Amino acid sequence: MSRKVTIALDAMGGDRGPAVVVPAALATLEKDDSVNLILVGLADVLEQVERQTTGKYGKRLKFRAATEVVGMDEHPGDVLRHKKDSSLRVAIELVKTAEADACVSSGNTGALMATARYVLKTLPGIDRPAIISAVPGLKSPTFMLDIGANVGCTADHLVQFALMGSVIAAGILDIEKPRVGLLNIGEEDIKGNEVIREAGNLLSHSGLNYQGFVEGDGIFHADVDVVVSDGLVGNVAIKTMEGVAGLIGSFLREEFRRSSLRRLQGIAANAALDALRARLDARRYNGASLVGLNGVVLKSHGGADQLAFETAVQTAIVEARKGVPVRIGELLGKQSRECIRA
């Protein structure tokens, strides 16, 4: 039987707020009776949900009122200073007080990261939290970090990202020693800038299952489970992937609409096209973890629909059950002891 966990959900975050979060929450409760949820939002929104559910889920669904909402375009510093009772912050505070094992928000990424770092603090040995997300791979997902939190990274930062990514991949993919690669402009040892080469050298002596440099096309192959880069490169890479996936979909629709014969061919190939759409569906990979914090925090895409938000919640459930922050701390401690012995 799965261990019971409690997840706090920011009901007000994202482009559609409660219209997505509430049905996703109720669907999660229907599918998994070992999960408890705390909906965080404005009082009138929560009252409406209470009337809608009429106590159906008992203590499995709780409510926590907030008086403020964080806009998607607000500056993180302003949010941190002036919106101390926002739904985003209250959800994170529930993790800090151990009332929740994790929280999920579709809100402003910068505000979520700044608030989570301020409230939860970073794990000992972690200089900078990172954002990690799964992308489609040939046989299983590949986990990429950092995808936007940190631009100017040192070699030590990249090693920390690799360690955290290894823990996430091990927990989600249920494998003991995830294979780690460092994103570079070539696979040869002489390629890349000084930071990348130094990070590669450190990783080769880190005790992680380091496979060496990987190029952009290697992200999708079955050769690595974790791809490490700084936030600028990682963000550009993942946004490019999203764009290409959308472009392929548009091209396919255009081609199958060119003539009656093409439309018939499209109907005949419908099963294969549906399978392709499912494999490339970004909603199945929604939910980026803010790793390196003293708690589990998931960032859902701002434009997520119900299915996408449910995916993010499921990832939060897995990370909470696996105790990801604790595992990262244990691995950091192990590395520190090995360095001392060396």
Protein backbone atom coordinates (compact mmCIF):
# COMPACT_ATOMS: atom_id res chain seq x y z
CA MET A 1 0.00 0.00 0.00
CA SER A 2 1.31 3.45 -0.95
CA ARG A 3 2.38 5.79 1.81
CA LYS A 4 -0.13 8.57 2.42
CA VAL A 5 1.04 12.00 1.34
CA THR A 6 -0.45 15.47 1.46
CA ILE A 7 0.02 17.89 -1.43
CA ALA A 8 -0.72 21.63 -1.26
CA LEU A 9 -2.11 23.09 -4.49
CA ASP A 10 -1.99 26.77 -5.42
CA ALA A 11 -5.52 27.08 -6.80
CA MET A 12 -4.96 30.61 -8.13
CA GLY A 13 -1.79 30.12 -10.20
CA GLY A 14 -1.45 29.96 -13.96
CA ASP A 15 -3.47 31.35 -16.83
CA ARG A 16 -6.72 29.62 -15.82
CA GLY A 17 -6.34 29.18 -12.05
CA PRO A 18 -9.21 27.34 -10.31
CA ALA A 19 -10.80 26.32 -13.64
CA VAL A 20 -7.89 23.88 -14.09
CA VAL A 21 -6.60 23.25 -10.58
CA VAL A 22 -9.93 22.30 -8.98
CA PRO A 23 -11.00 19.60 -11.48
CA ALA A 24 -7.44 18.25 -11.51
CA ALA A 25 -7.50 18.07 -7.72
CA LEU A 26 -10.82 16.23 -7.63
CA ALA A 27 -9.67 13.81 -10.35
CA THR A 28 -6.54 13.06 -8.31
CA LEU A 29 -8.60 12.33 -5.20
CA GLU A 30 -10.83 9.98 -7.20
CA LYS A 31 -7.87 8.02 -8.59
CA ASP A 32 -5.71 7.67 -5.48
CA ASP A 33 -7.17 7.32 -1.99
CA SER A 34 -3.70 7.50 -0.43
CA VAL A 35 -3.38 11.18 -1.40
CA ASN A 36 -4.67 14.11 0.64
CA LEU A 37 -4.87 17.59 -0.86
CA ILE A 38 -4.94 21.12 0.55
CA LEU A 39 -6.41 23.68 -1.82
CA VAL A 40 -5.00 27.15 -1.28
CA GLY A 41 -6.84 30.13 -2.72
CA LEU A 42 -9.14 33.07 -2.25
CA ALA A 43 -11.95 32.46 0.23
CA ASP A 44 -14.81 32.74 -2.28
CA VAL A 45 -13.14 30.19 -4.58
CA LEU A 46 -12.66 27.71 -1.75
CA GLU A 47 -16.23 28.18 -0.51
CA GLN A 48 -17.52 27.33 -3.97
CA VAL A 49 -15.46 24.12 -4.05
CA GLU A 50 -16.71 23.19 -0.58
CA ARG A 51 -20.30 23.56 -1.76
CA GLN A 52 -19.51 21.56 -4.90
CA THR A 53 -17.93 18.62 -3.05
CA THR A 54 -20.33 18.64 -0.02
CA GLY A 55 -17.84 16.82 2.17
CA LYS A 56 -17.47 13.91 -0.25
CA TYR A 57 -13.73 13.53 0.39
CA GLY A 58 -13.83 14.14 4.14
CA LYS A 59 -10.44 14.98 5.64
CA ARG A 60 -8.70 14.08 2.36
CA LEU A 61 -9.57 17.53 0.98
CA LYS A 62 -8.77 20.55 3.11
CA PHE A 63 -8.85 24.27 2.38
CA ARG A 64 -6.53 27.11 3.31
CA ALA A 65 -7.57 30.66 2.50
CA ALA A 66 -5.18 33.30 1.14
CA THR A 67 -5.96 36.95 0.53
CA GLU A 68 -3.63 37.67 -2.40
CA VAL A 69 -2.88 36.31 -5.86
CA VAL A 70 0.47 36.56 -7.69
CA GLY A 71 0.20 37.80 -11.27
CA MET A 72 2.15 36.04 -14.00
CA ASP A 73 4.02 39.24 -14.87
CA GLU A 74 4.89 40.43 -11.36
CA HIS A 75 8.53 40.91 -10.39
CA PRO A 76 9.77 38.19 -8.00
CA GLY A 77 11.28 40.74 -5.61
CA ASP A 78 8.00 42.65 -5.34
CA VAL A 79 6.10 39.43 -4.70
CA LEU A 80 8.55 38.38 -2.00
CA ARG A 81 8.32 41.73 -0.21
CA HIS A 82 4.68 42.66 -0.63
CA LYS A 83 2.58 39.52 -1.14
CA LYS A 84 3.17 37.52 2.02
CA ASP A 85 -0.36 36.09 2.04
CA SER A 86 -0.52 35.04 -1.60
CA SER A 87 -1.83 31.58 -2.47
CA LEU A 88 1.61 30.76 -3.89
CA ARG A 89 3.40 31.61 -0.66
CA VAL A 90 0.83 30.01 1.65
CA ALA A 91 1.16 26.73 -0.31
CA ILE A 92 4.94 26.81 0.18
CA GLU A 93 4.56 27.67 3.87
CA LEU A 94 2.50 24.49 4.29
CA VAL A 95 5.54 22.50 3.15
CA LYS A 96 7.75 24.37 5.59
CA THR A 97 5.46 23.58 8.53
CA ALA A 98 5.18 19.94 7.39
CA GLU A 99 1.41 20.24 6.95
CA ALA A 100 2.06 19.25 3.33
CA ASP A 101 4.70 16.95 1.86
CA ALA A 102 4.91 18.94 -1.37
CA CYS A 103 3.25 21.81 -3.21
CA VAL A 104 2.34 22.46 -6.84
CA SER A 105 1.77 25.82 -8.51
CA SER A 106 1.24 27.01 -12.09
CA GLY A 107 2.15 30.51 -11.02
CA ASN A 108 4.90 32.95 -11.92
CA THR A 109 8.14 30.91 -12.16
CA GLY A 110 10.45 33.61 -10.85
CA ALA A 111 8.17 34.38 -7.92
CA LEU A 112 7.78 30.67 -7.12
CA MET A 113 11.54 30.10 -7.10
CA ALA A 114 12.32 33.24 -5.10
CA THR A 115 9.61 32.53 -2.53
CA ALA A 116 10.44 28.84 -2.22
CA ARG A 117 14.12 29.62 -1.75
CA TYR A 118 13.34 32.26 0.88
CA VAL A 119 10.80 30.16 2.82
CA LEU A 120 12.33 26.69 2.56
CA LYS A 121 16.04 27.56 2.18
CA THR A 122 18.49 25.45 0.21
CA LEU A 123 19.90 22.12 1.30
CA PRO A 124 23.37 22.19 2.92
CA GLY A 125 25.95 21.91 0.16
CA ILE A 126 23.67 23.33 -2.55
CA ASP A 127 24.58 26.83 -3.73
CA ARG A 128 21.70 27.30 -6.15
CA PRO A 129 18.39 25.49 -6.61
CA ALA A 130 17.72 24.36 -10.17
CA ILE A 131 14.67 23.56 -12.28
CA ILE A 132 14.44 20.04 -13.70
CA SER A 133 11.92 18.63 -16.14
CA ALA A 134 11.41 15.44 -18.13
CA VAL A 135 11.45 15.41 -21.93
CA PRO A 136 10.48 12.57 -24.30
CA GLY A 137 13.16 9.99 -25.06
CA LEU A 138 13.34 6.93 -27.30
CA LYS A 139 12.79 4.43 -24.49
CA SER A 140 12.11 6.52 -21.39
CA PRO A 141 12.05 10.21 -20.40
CA THR A 142 15.27 12.17 -20.11
CA PHE A 143 15.58 14.62 -17.22
CA MET A 144 17.09 18.02 -18.01
CA LEU A 145 18.42 20.64 -15.60
CA ASP A 146 18.86 23.50 -15.23
CA ILE A 147 16.12 24.77 -17.54
CA GLY A 148 15.99 28.40 -16.54
CA ALA A 149 16.82 29.22 -12.93
CA ASN A 150 20.57 29.88 -13.23
CA VAL A 151 22.45 31.57 -16.06
CA GLY A 152 26.04 32.09 -14.90
CA CYS A 153 27.05 28.69 -13.52
CA THR A 154 30.41 27.43 -12.29
CA ALA A 155 31.69 23.90 -12.71
CA ASP A 156 30.73 23.17 -9.09
CA HIS A 157 27.17 24.29 -9.77
CA LEU A 158 26.92 21.90 -12.72
CA VAL A 159 28.17 19.05 -10.54
CA GLN A 160 25.50 19.88 -7.96
CA PHE A 161 22.88 19.88 -10.71
CA ALA A 162 24.09 16.47 -11.85
CA LEU A 163 23.80 15.09 -8.35
CA MET A 164 20.27 16.44 -7.89
CA GLY A 165 19.20 15.26 -11.33
CA SER A 166 20.52 11.79 -10.57
CA VAL A 167 18.35 11.60 -7.44
CA ILE A 168 15.24 12.77 -9.31
CA ALA A 169 15.77 10.33 -12.18
CA ALA A 170 16.44 7.45 -9.79
CA GLY A 171 13.18 8.16 -7.98
CA ILE A 172 10.95 8.71 -11.01
CA LEU A 173 12.43 6.03 -13.27
CA ASP A 174 13.04 3.63 -10.37
CA ILE A 175 16.64 2.90 -11.37
CA GLU A 176 19.65 2.68 -9.08
CA LYS A 177 22.38 4.52 -11.00
CA PRO A 178 20.98 6.96 -13.59
CA ARG A 179 23.34 7.78 -16.44
CA VAL A 180 24.39 11.43 -16.44
CA GLY A 181 25.58 13.47 -19.41
CA LEU A 182 26.86 17.05 -19.70
CA LEU A 183 25.39 19.05 -22.59
CA ASN A 184 28.14 20.33 -24.87
CA ILE A 185 28.92 21.26 -28.48
CA GLY A 186 30.73 17.97 -29.03
CA GLU A 187 31.51 14.68 -27.30
CA GLU A 188 35.31 15.06 -27.37
CA ASP A 189 37.11 16.06 -24.16
CA ILE A 190 38.59 19.18 -25.80
CA LYS A 191 35.16 20.61 -26.76
CA GLY A 192 33.31 23.32 -24.89
CA ASN A 193 34.40 26.23 -22.71
CA GLU A 194 36.56 26.02 -19.62
CA VAL A 195 33.60 25.68 -17.24
CA ILE A 196 32.15 22.74 -19.16
CA ARG A 197 35.50 20.96 -19.40
CA GLU A 198 36.19 21.48 -15.69
CA ALA A 199 32.71 20.21 -14.81
CA GLY A 200 33.30 17.14 -16.97
CA ASN A 201 36.53 16.43 -15.11
CA LEU A 202 34.84 16.83 -11.72
CA LEU A 203 31.93 14.61 -12.74
CA SER A 204 34.28 11.87 -13.89
CA HIS A 205 35.52 11.65 -10.29
CA SER A 206 32.16 12.28 -8.60
CA GLY A 207 30.96 8.73 -8.07
CA LEU A 208 27.92 9.43 -10.24
CA ASN A 209 27.26 7.31 -13.32
CA TYR A 210 28.77 9.97 -15.58
CA GLN A 211 28.77 9.13 -19.30
CA GLY A 212 30.61 12.19 -20.64
CA PHE A 213 29.56 15.01 -22.96
CA VAL A 214 26.37 14.75 -25.01
CA GLU A 215 25.28 16.91 -27.93
CA GLY A 216 21.77 18.27 -28.43
CA ASP A 217 20.53 15.28 -30.41
CA GLY A 218 21.75 12.97 -27.64
CA ILE A 219 19.06 14.31 -25.30
CA PHE A 220 16.52 12.05 -26.98
CA HIS A 221 18.63 8.92 -27.32
CA ALA A 222 18.65 6.12 -24.77
CA ASP A 223 22.29 6.78 -23.78
CA VAL A 224 21.66 9.03 -20.74
CA ASP A 225 18.90 9.56 -18.18
CA VAL A 226 20.00 13.03 -17.01
CA VAL A 227 21.33 15.92 -19.11
CA VAL A 228 23.03 18.79 -17.27
CA SER A 229 23.53 22.35 -18.49
CA ASP A 230 23.33 25.91 -17.21
CA GLY A 231 19.91 27.56 -17.16
CA LEU A 232 20.37 29.62 -20.32
CA VAL A 233 21.33 26.67 -22.53
CA GLY A 234 18.79 24.37 -20.90
CA ASN A 235 15.92 26.82 -21.31
CA VAL A 236 16.73 27.50 -24.95
CA ALA A 237 16.97 23.75 -25.60
CA ILE A 238 13.67 22.84 -23.99
CA LYS A 239 11.77 25.75 -25.59
CA THR A 240 13.22 24.71 -28.96
CA MET A 241 11.93 21.17 -28.39
CA GLU A 242 8.46 22.49 -27.63
CA GLY A 243 8.56 24.58 -30.78
CA VAL A 244 9.70 21.69 -32.98
CA ALA A 245 7.00 19.40 -31.57
CA GLY A 246 4.39 22.03 -32.42
CA LEU A 247 5.90 22.52 -35.89
CA ILE A 248 5.73 18.79 -36.64
CA GLY A 249 2.08 18.76 -35.62
CA SER A 250 1.31 21.73 -37.85
CA PHE A 251 3.12 20.21 -40.83
CA LEU A 252 1.26 16.92 -40.44
CA ARG A 253 -2.11 18.68 -40.32
CA GLU A 254 -1.22 20.72 -43.42
CA GLU A 255 -0.14 17.69 -45.40
CA PHE A 256 -3.22 15.63 -44.58
CA ARG A 257 -5.49 18.52 -45.63
CA ARG A 258 -3.93 19.06 -49.07
CA SER A 259 -6.36 16.81 -50.94
CA SER A 260 -9.17 14.31 -50.53
CA LEU A 261 -6.68 11.50 -51.04
CA ARG A 262 -4.42 12.88 -48.32
CA ARG A 263 -7.41 13.13 -45.96
CA LEU A 264 -8.23 9.48 -46.61
CA GLN A 265 -4.61 8.56 -45.97
CA GLY A 266 -4.79 10.53 -42.73
CA ILE A 267 -7.85 8.58 -41.65
CA ALA A 268 -6.09 5.31 -42.45
CA ALA A 269 -3.07 6.40 -40.43
CA ASN A 270 -5.17 7.76 -37.57
CA ALA A 271 -4.10 5.16 -35.00
CA ALA A 272 -0.40 5.76 -35.69
CA LEU A 273 -0.89 9.54 -35.62
CA ASP A 274 -2.75 9.34 -32.32
CA ALA A 275 0.11 7.31 -30.86
CA LEU A 276 2.63 9.87 -32.14
CA ARG A 277 0.64 12.74 -30.65
CA ALA A 278 0.50 10.93 -27.33
CA ARG A 279 4.27 10.34 -27.27
CA LEU A 280 4.99 13.98 -28.05
CA ASP A 281 2.22 15.39 -25.85
CA ALA A 282 3.90 17.94 -23.58
CA ARG A 283 1.12 17.47 -21.02
CA ARG A 284 2.51 14.02 -20.19
CA TYR A 285 5.78 15.65 -19.10
CA ASN A 286 4.36 18.69 -17.30
CA GLY A 287 5.75 19.53 -13.90
CA ALA A 288 9.22 20.96 -13.35
CA SER A 289 10.78 20.33 -9.95
CA LEU A 290 12.58 23.07 -8.03
CA VAL A 291 15.41 20.91 -6.69
CA GLY A 292 17.95 21.79 -4.03
CA LEU A 293 15.37 23.10 -1.56
CA ASN A 294 14.39 21.81 1.87
CA GLY A 295 11.10 20.59 0.47
CA VAL A 296 9.35 19.39 -2.68
CA VAL A 297 8.03 22.18 -4.94
CA LEU A 298 6.66 21.57 -8.45
CA LYS A 299 6.12 24.20 -11.13
CA SER A 300 3.33 23.40 -13.56
CA HIS A 301 3.22 25.16 -16.93
CA GLY A 302 1.24 28.40 -16.71
CA GLY A 303 -1.01 27.34 -19.58
CA ALA A 304 -1.55 23.79 -18.28
CA ASP A 305 -4.94 22.15 -18.76
CA GLN A 306 -6.43 19.62 -16.36
CA LEU A 307 -4.45 16.64 -17.68
CA ALA A 308 -1.17 18.56 -17.58
CA PHE A 309 -1.78 19.78 -14.03
CA GLU A 310 -2.66 16.25 -12.92
CA THR A 311 0.70 15.12 -14.32
CA ALA A 312 2.50 17.72 -12.22
CA VAL A 313 0.59 16.61 -9.12
CA GLN A 314 1.54 12.97 -9.79
CA THR A 315 5.21 13.96 -10.03
CA ALA A 316 4.92 15.80 -6.70
CA ILE A 317 3.38 12.68 -5.14
CA VAL A 318 6.25 10.49 -6.35
CA GLU A 319 8.92 12.93 -5.15
CA ALA A 320 7.24 13.28 -1.76
CA ARG A 321 7.04 9.52 -1.32
CA LYS A 322 10.64 9.04 -2.42
CA GLY A 323 11.83 11.78 -0.04
CA VAL A 324 13.83 13.52 -2.77
CA PRO A 325 15.30 16.33 -0.60
CA VAL A 326 16.44 13.79 2.00
CA ARG A 327 18.05 11.63 -0.67
CA ILE A 328 19.86 14.62 -2.15
CA GLY A 329 21.14 15.53 1.31
CA GLU A 330 22.33 11.95 1.89
CA LEU A 331 24.18 11.88 -1.44
CA LEU A 332 25.80 15.24 -0.70
CA GLY A 333 26.90 13.97 2.70
CA LYS A 334 28.32 10.82 1.15
CA GLN A 335 30.30 12.83 -1.40
CA SER A 336 31.64 15.12 1.34
CA ARG A 337 32.85 12.14 3.40
CA GLU A 338 34.53 10.62 0.35
CA CYS A 339 36.30 13.91 -0.40
CA ILE A 340 37.57 14.07 3.20
CA ARG A 341 38.90 10.49 2.99
CA ALA A 342 40.57 11.27 -0.34
